[in-house]
Amino acid sequence: MVLPDQIAPITGDHKPTSPIKIRMDATANQDENLPPATPLIDRMRATGQWNQDWDSFARLDPEWTEKFLQTAQLPVARGLVDPKTYEFLAIAVNASCTHMYSPGVRRHTRKALQLGASPEEVMGVLECVAMLGLHSCSLGGPILQEEMARLEAEAN
């Protein structure tokens, strides 16, 4: 956060300060050799929930990335959305014809099944998303079958 006394006046003998300089001044008391703590990012990496496409911006601004990902989890953390419903929403977003992100569909399908979702419920989500394009079912259907088989094999 930039405080008013950290913004250089642009009149008189003072030169305007760039936003980067202001940010550096605002964090001058922090040890610049230590990266900010990112417990959520670390946990997501450890549990296979991390999307490697996020690596570049996480390296550039790990603090922003951490806060952004925390925001996405607020509805569940506040109890506004139960975990299974959250997984259904994530399946819908990832399987939509505008996204078509297989790793996300797979990860959230598996988690939904682990949370007690039935194959019919997951298929219902995919059918709703199909309104955006039939490819949602052709992407999500085989993934649902594969994850059901994996969970069954793991149980045996």
C-alpha atoms as a PDB file:
ATOM      1  CA  MET A   1       0.000   0.000   0.000  1.00  0.00           C
ATOM      2  CA  VAL A   2       1.330   3.418  -0.898  1.00  0.00           C
ATOM      3  CA  LEU A   3       0.885   5.998   1.837  1.00  0.00           C
ATOM      4  CA  PRO A   4       0.384   9.686   0.967  1.00  0.00           C
ATOM      5  CA  ASP A   5       3.796  10.640   2.392  1.00  0.00           C
ATOM      6  CA  GLN A   6       5.427   8.120   0.025  1.00  0.00           C
ATOM      7  CA  ILE A   7       4.189   9.904  -3.087  1.00  0.00           C
ATOM      8  CA  ALA A   8       6.721  12.498  -4.168  1.00  0.00           C
ATOM      9  CA  PRO A   9       5.333  15.931  -5.018  1.00  0.00           C
ATOM     10  CA  ILE A  10       5.793  16.920  -8.648  1.00  0.00           C
ATOM     11  CA  THR A  11       6.392  20.614  -8.032  1.00  0.00           C
ATOM     12  CA  GLY A  12       9.498  22.538  -7.040  1.00  0.00           C
ATOM     13  CA  ASP A  13      12.831  20.713  -7.028  1.00  0.00           C
ATOM     14  CA  HIS A  14      11.282  17.252  -6.616  1.00  0.00           C
ATOM     15  CA  LYS A  15      11.040  14.832  -9.499  1.00  0.00           C
ATOM     16  CA  PRO A  16       8.004  12.565  -9.822  1.00  0.00           C
ATOM     17  CA  THR A  17       8.596   9.095  -8.462  1.00  0.00           C
ATOM     18  CA  SER A  18       7.767   6.125 -10.669  1.00  0.00           C
ATOM     19  CA  PRO A  19       5.244   3.529  -9.419  1.00  0.00           C
ATOM     20  CA  ILE A  20       8.061   0.985  -9.208  1.00  0.00           C
ATOM     21  CA  LYS A  21      10.113   3.283  -6.988  1.00  0.00           C
ATOM     22  CA  ILE A  22       7.085   3.930  -4.787  1.00  0.00           C
ATOM     23  CA  ARG A  23       6.503   0.185  -4.402  1.00  0.00           C
ATOM     24  CA  MET A  24      10.154  -0.335  -3.530  1.00  0.00           C
ATOM     25  CA  ASP A  25       9.979   2.486  -0.971  1.00  0.00           C
ATOM     26  CA  ALA A  26       6.782   1.073   0.507  1.00  0.00           C
ATOM     27  CA  THR A  27       8.451  -2.315   1.021  1.00  0.00           C
ATOM     28  CA  ALA A  28      11.911  -1.011   1.974  1.00  0.00           C
ATOM     29  CA  ASN A  29      11.625  -2.419   5.489  1.00  0.00           C
ATOM     30  CA  GLN A  30      11.106  -5.954   4.177  1.00  0.00           C
ATOM     31  CA  ASP A  31      14.033  -8.281   3.538  1.00  0.00           C
ATOM     32  CA  GLU A  32      14.209  -8.207  -0.249  1.00  0.00           C
ATOM     33  CA  ASN A  33      16.112 -11.506  -0.291  1.00  0.00           C
ATOM     34  CA  LEU A  34      13.160 -13.405   1.162  1.00  0.00           C
ATOM     35  CA  PRO A  35      10.269 -14.189  -1.158  1.00  0.00           C
ATOM     36  CA  PRO A  36       6.793 -13.590   0.251  1.00  0.00           C
ATOM     37  CA  ALA A  37       5.118 -16.546   1.926  1.00  0.00           C
ATOM     38  CA  THR A  38       2.810 -18.437  -0.417  1.00  0.00           C
ATOM     39  CA  PRO A  39       1.231 -21.253   1.622  1.00  0.00           C
ATOM     40  CA  LEU A  40      -1.721 -21.736  -0.743  1.00  0.00           C
ATOM     41  CA  ILE A  41       0.494 -21.889  -3.838  1.00  0.00           C
ATOM     42  CA  ASP A  42       2.819 -24.296  -2.024  1.00  0.00           C
ATOM     43  CA  ARG A  43      -0.099 -26.525  -0.998  1.00  0.00           C
ATOM     44  CA  MET A  44      -1.568 -26.474  -4.512  1.00  0.00           C
ATOM     45  CA  ARG A  45       1.792 -27.518  -5.966  1.00  0.00           C
ATOM     46  CA  ALA A  46       2.194 -30.298  -3.397  1.00  0.00           C
ATOM     47  CA  THR A  47      -1.298 -31.698  -3.996  1.00  0.00           C
ATOM     48  CA  GLY A  48      -1.246 -31.537  -7.809  1.00  0.00           C
ATOM     49  CA  GLN A  49      -3.761 -28.672  -8.001  1.00  0.00           C
ATOM     50  CA  TRP A  50      -1.255 -26.231  -9.501  1.00  0.00           C
ATOM     51  CA  ASN A  51      -1.550 -25.262 -13.162  1.00  0.00           C
ATOM     52  CA  GLN A  52       1.955 -24.943 -14.621  1.00  0.00           C
ATOM     53  CA  ASP A  53       0.668 -22.216 -16.928  1.00  0.00           C
ATOM     54  CA  TRP A  54       0.545 -20.021 -13.811  1.00  0.00           C
ATOM     55  CA  ASP A  55       4.297 -20.344 -13.121  1.00  0.00           C
ATOM     56  CA  SER A  56       5.317 -17.249 -15.073  1.00  0.00           C
ATOM     57  CA  PHE A  57       3.044 -14.783 -13.295  1.00  0.00           C
ATOM     58  CA  ALA A  58       3.577 -16.509  -9.945  1.00  0.00           C
ATOM     59  CA  ARG A  59       7.311 -15.903 -10.348  1.00  0.00           C
ATOM     60  CA  LEU A  60       6.739 -12.280 -11.363  1.00  0.00           C
ATOM     61  CA  ASP A  61       4.351 -11.513  -8.499  1.00  0.00           C
ATOM     62  CA  PRO A  62       3.918 -14.366  -6.012  1.00  0.00           C
ATOM     63  CA  GLU A  63       2.113 -12.161  -3.508  1.00  0.00           C
ATOM     64  CA  TRP A  64      -0.589 -11.150  -6.020  1.00  0.00           C
ATOM     65  CA  THR A  65      -0.962 -14.750  -7.210  1.00  0.00           C
ATOM     66  CA  GLU A  66      -1.388 -15.983  -3.641  1.00  0.00           C
ATOM     67  CA  LYS A  67      -4.074 -13.368  -2.914  1.00  0.00           C
ATOM     68  CA  PHE A  68      -5.867 -14.044  -6.203  1.00  0.00           C
ATOM     69  CA  LEU A  69      -6.064 -17.783  -5.511  1.00  0.00           C
ATOM     70  CA  GLN A  70      -7.219 -17.149  -1.933  1.00  0.00           C
ATOM     71  CA  THR A  71     -10.056 -15.016  -3.308  1.00  0.00           C
ATOM     72  CA  ALA A  72     -11.268 -17.892  -5.485  1.00  0.00           C
ATOM     73  CA  GLN A  73     -11.633 -20.054  -2.375  1.00  0.00           C
ATOM     74  CA  LEU A  74     -13.577 -17.532  -0.288  1.00  0.00           C
ATOM     75  CA  PRO A  75     -17.082 -18.843  -1.114  1.00  0.00           C
ATOM     76  CA  VAL A  76     -16.149 -22.295   0.227  1.00  0.00           C
ATOM     77  CA  ALA A  77     -14.153 -20.923   3.178  1.00  0.00           C
ATOM     78  CA  ARG A  78     -17.133 -18.754   4.182  1.00  0.00           C
ATOM     79  CA  GLY A  79     -19.539 -21.686   3.853  1.00  0.00           C
ATOM     80  CA  LEU A  80     -21.478 -20.032   1.038  1.00  0.00           C
ATOM     81  CA  VAL A  81     -20.769 -22.884  -1.370  1.00  0.00           C
ATOM     82  CA  ASP A  82     -20.225 -26.442  -0.215  1.00  0.00           C
ATOM     83  CA  PRO A  83     -17.069 -28.186  -1.511  1.00  0.00           C
ATOM     84  CA  LYS A  84     -18.925 -30.559  -3.866  1.00  0.00           C
ATOM     85  CA  THR A  85     -20.838 -27.685  -5.478  1.00  0.00           C
ATOM     86  CA  TYR A  86     -17.555 -25.793  -5.869  1.00  0.00           C
ATOM     87  CA  GLU A  87     -16.140 -28.806  -7.732  1.00  0.00           C
ATOM     88  CA  PHE A  88     -19.238 -28.874  -9.963  1.00  0.00           C
ATOM     89  CA  LEU A  89     -18.704 -25.197 -10.790  1.00  0.00           C
ATOM     90  CA  ALA A  90     -15.026 -25.836 -11.504  1.00  0.00           C
ATOM     91  CA  ILE A  91     -15.926 -28.756 -13.789  1.00  0.00           C
ATOM     92  CA  ALA A  92     -18.407 -26.537 -15.634  1.00  0.00           C
ATOM     93  CA  VAL A  93     -15.874 -23.744 -16.124  1.00  0.00           C
ATOM     94  CA  ASN A  94     -13.077 -26.082 -17.214  1.00  0.00           C
ATOM     95  CA  ALA A  95     -15.270 -28.178 -19.535  1.00  0.00           C
ATOM     96  CA  SER A  96     -16.994 -25.215 -21.188  1.00  0.00           C
ATOM     97  CA  CYS A  97     -16.366 -24.816 -24.893  1.00  0.00           C
ATOM     98  CA  THR A  98     -14.715 -21.474 -24.202  1.00  0.00           C
ATOM     99  CA  HIS A  99     -12.134 -23.072 -21.897  1.00  0.00           C
ATOM    100  CA  MET A 100     -11.766 -26.815 -22.700  1.00  0.00           C
ATOM    101  CA  TYR A 101      -9.067 -27.350 -20.062  1.00  0.00           C
ATOM    102  CA  SER A 102      -8.714 -31.132 -19.630  1.00  0.00           C
ATOM    103  CA  PRO A 103      -6.405 -31.125 -16.585  1.00  0.00           C
ATOM    104  CA  GLY A 104      -8.881 -28.928 -14.702  1.00  0.00           C
ATOM    105  CA  VAL A 105     -11.848 -31.100 -15.686  1.00  0.00           C
ATOM    106  CA  ARG A 106      -9.943 -34.182 -14.567  1.00  0.00           C
ATOM    107  CA  ARG A 107      -8.788 -32.714 -11.249  1.00  0.00           C
ATOM    108  CA  HIS A 108     -12.217 -31.360 -10.303  1.00  0.00           C
ATOM    109  CA  THR A 109     -14.091 -34.464 -11.536  1.00  0.00           C
ATOM    110  CA  ARG A 110     -11.885 -36.660  -9.377  1.00  0.00           C
ATOM    111  CA  LYS A 111     -12.358 -34.373  -6.356  1.00  0.00           C
ATOM    112  CA  ALA A 112     -16.147 -34.254  -6.878  1.00  0.00           C
ATOM    113  CA  LEU A 113     -16.282 -38.063  -6.981  1.00  0.00           C
ATOM    114  CA  GLN A 114     -14.143 -38.233  -3.829  1.00  0.00           C
ATOM    115  CA  LEU A 115     -16.570 -35.822  -2.142  1.00  0.00           C
ATOM    116  CA  GLY A 116     -19.433 -38.201  -2.888  1.00  0.00           C
ATOM    117  CA  ALA A 117     -20.737 -36.912  -6.204  1.00  0.00           C
ATOM    118  CA  SER A 118     -22.414 -39.525  -8.327  1.00  0.00           C
ATOM    119  CA  PRO A 119     -21.412 -40.070 -11.954  1.00  0.00           C
ATOM    120  CA  GLU A 120     -24.926 -38.906 -12.826  1.00  0.00           C
ATOM    121  CA  GLU A 121     -24.386 -35.608 -11.008  1.00  0.00           C
ATOM    122  CA  VAL A 122     -21.097 -34.969 -12.814  1.00  0.00           C
ATOM    123  CA  MET A 123     -22.728 -35.870 -16.117  1.00  0.00           C
ATOM    124  CA  GLY A 124     -25.569 -33.463 -15.252  1.00  0.00           C
ATOM    125  CA  VAL A 125     -23.013 -30.670 -14.847  1.00  0.00           C
ATOM    126  CA  LEU A 126     -21.476 -31.561 -18.217  1.00  0.00           C
ATOM    127  CA  GLU A 127     -24.930 -31.640 -19.809  1.00  0.00           C
ATOM    128  CA  CYS A 128     -25.659 -28.145 -18.485  1.00  0.00           C
ATOM    129  CA  VAL A 129     -22.367 -26.903 -19.891  1.00  0.00           C
ATOM    130  CA  ALA A 130     -23.191 -28.593 -23.191  1.00  0.00           C
ATOM    131  CA  MET A 131     -25.516 -25.711 -23.858  1.00  0.00           C
ATOM    132  CA  LEU A 132     -22.291 -23.841 -24.663  1.00  0.00           C
ATOM    133  CA  GLY A 133     -21.177 -26.595 -27.001  1.00  0.00           C
ATOM    134  CA  LEU A 134     -21.452 -30.365 -27.278  1.00  0.00           C
ATOM    135  CA  HIS A 135     -17.676 -30.676 -26.979  1.00  0.00           C
ATOM    136  CA  SER A 136     -18.028 -30.228 -23.224  1.00  0.00           C
ATOM    137  CA  CYS A 137     -19.498 -33.739 -23.035  1.00  0.00           C
ATOM    138  CA  SER A 138     -16.962 -35.243 -25.421  1.00  0.00           C
ATOM    139  CA  LEU A 139     -14.202 -33.820 -23.216  1.00  0.00           C
ATOM    140  CA  GLY A 140     -15.720 -34.507 -19.806  1.00  0.00           C
ATOM    141  CA  GLY A 141     -17.462 -37.856 -20.457  1.00  0.00           C
ATOM    142  CA  PRO A 142     -14.305 -39.892 -21.085  1.00  0.00           C
ATOM    143  CA  ILE A 143     -12.558 -38.169 -18.179  1.00  0.00           C
ATOM    144  CA  LEU A 144     -15.464 -39.103 -15.886  1.00  0.00           C
ATOM    145  CA  GLN A 145     -15.180 -42.755 -17.009  1.00  0.00           C
ATOM    146  CA  GLU A 146     -11.391 -42.777 -16.545  1.00  0.00           C
ATOM    147  CA  GLU A 147     -11.561 -41.258 -13.066  1.00  0.00           C
ATOM    148  CA  MET A 148     -14.324 -43.665 -11.991  1.00  0.00           C
ATOM    149  CA  ALA A 149     -12.134 -46.575 -13.165  1.00  0.00           C
ATOM    150  CA  ARG A 150      -9.067 -45.166 -11.367  1.00  0.00           C
ATOM    151  CA  LEU A 151     -10.940 -44.752  -8.102  1.00  0.00           C
ATOM    152  CA  GLU A 152     -12.343 -48.289  -8.420  1.00  0.00           C
ATOM    153  CA  ALA A 153      -8.865 -49.701  -9.136  1.00  0.00           C
ATOM    154  CA  GLU A 154      -7.421 -47.812  -6.175  1.00  0.00           C
ATOM    155  CA  ALA A 155     -10.148 -49.186  -3.915  1.00  0.00           C
ATOM    156  CA  ASN A 156      -9.266 -52.766  -4.896  1.00  0.00           C
END
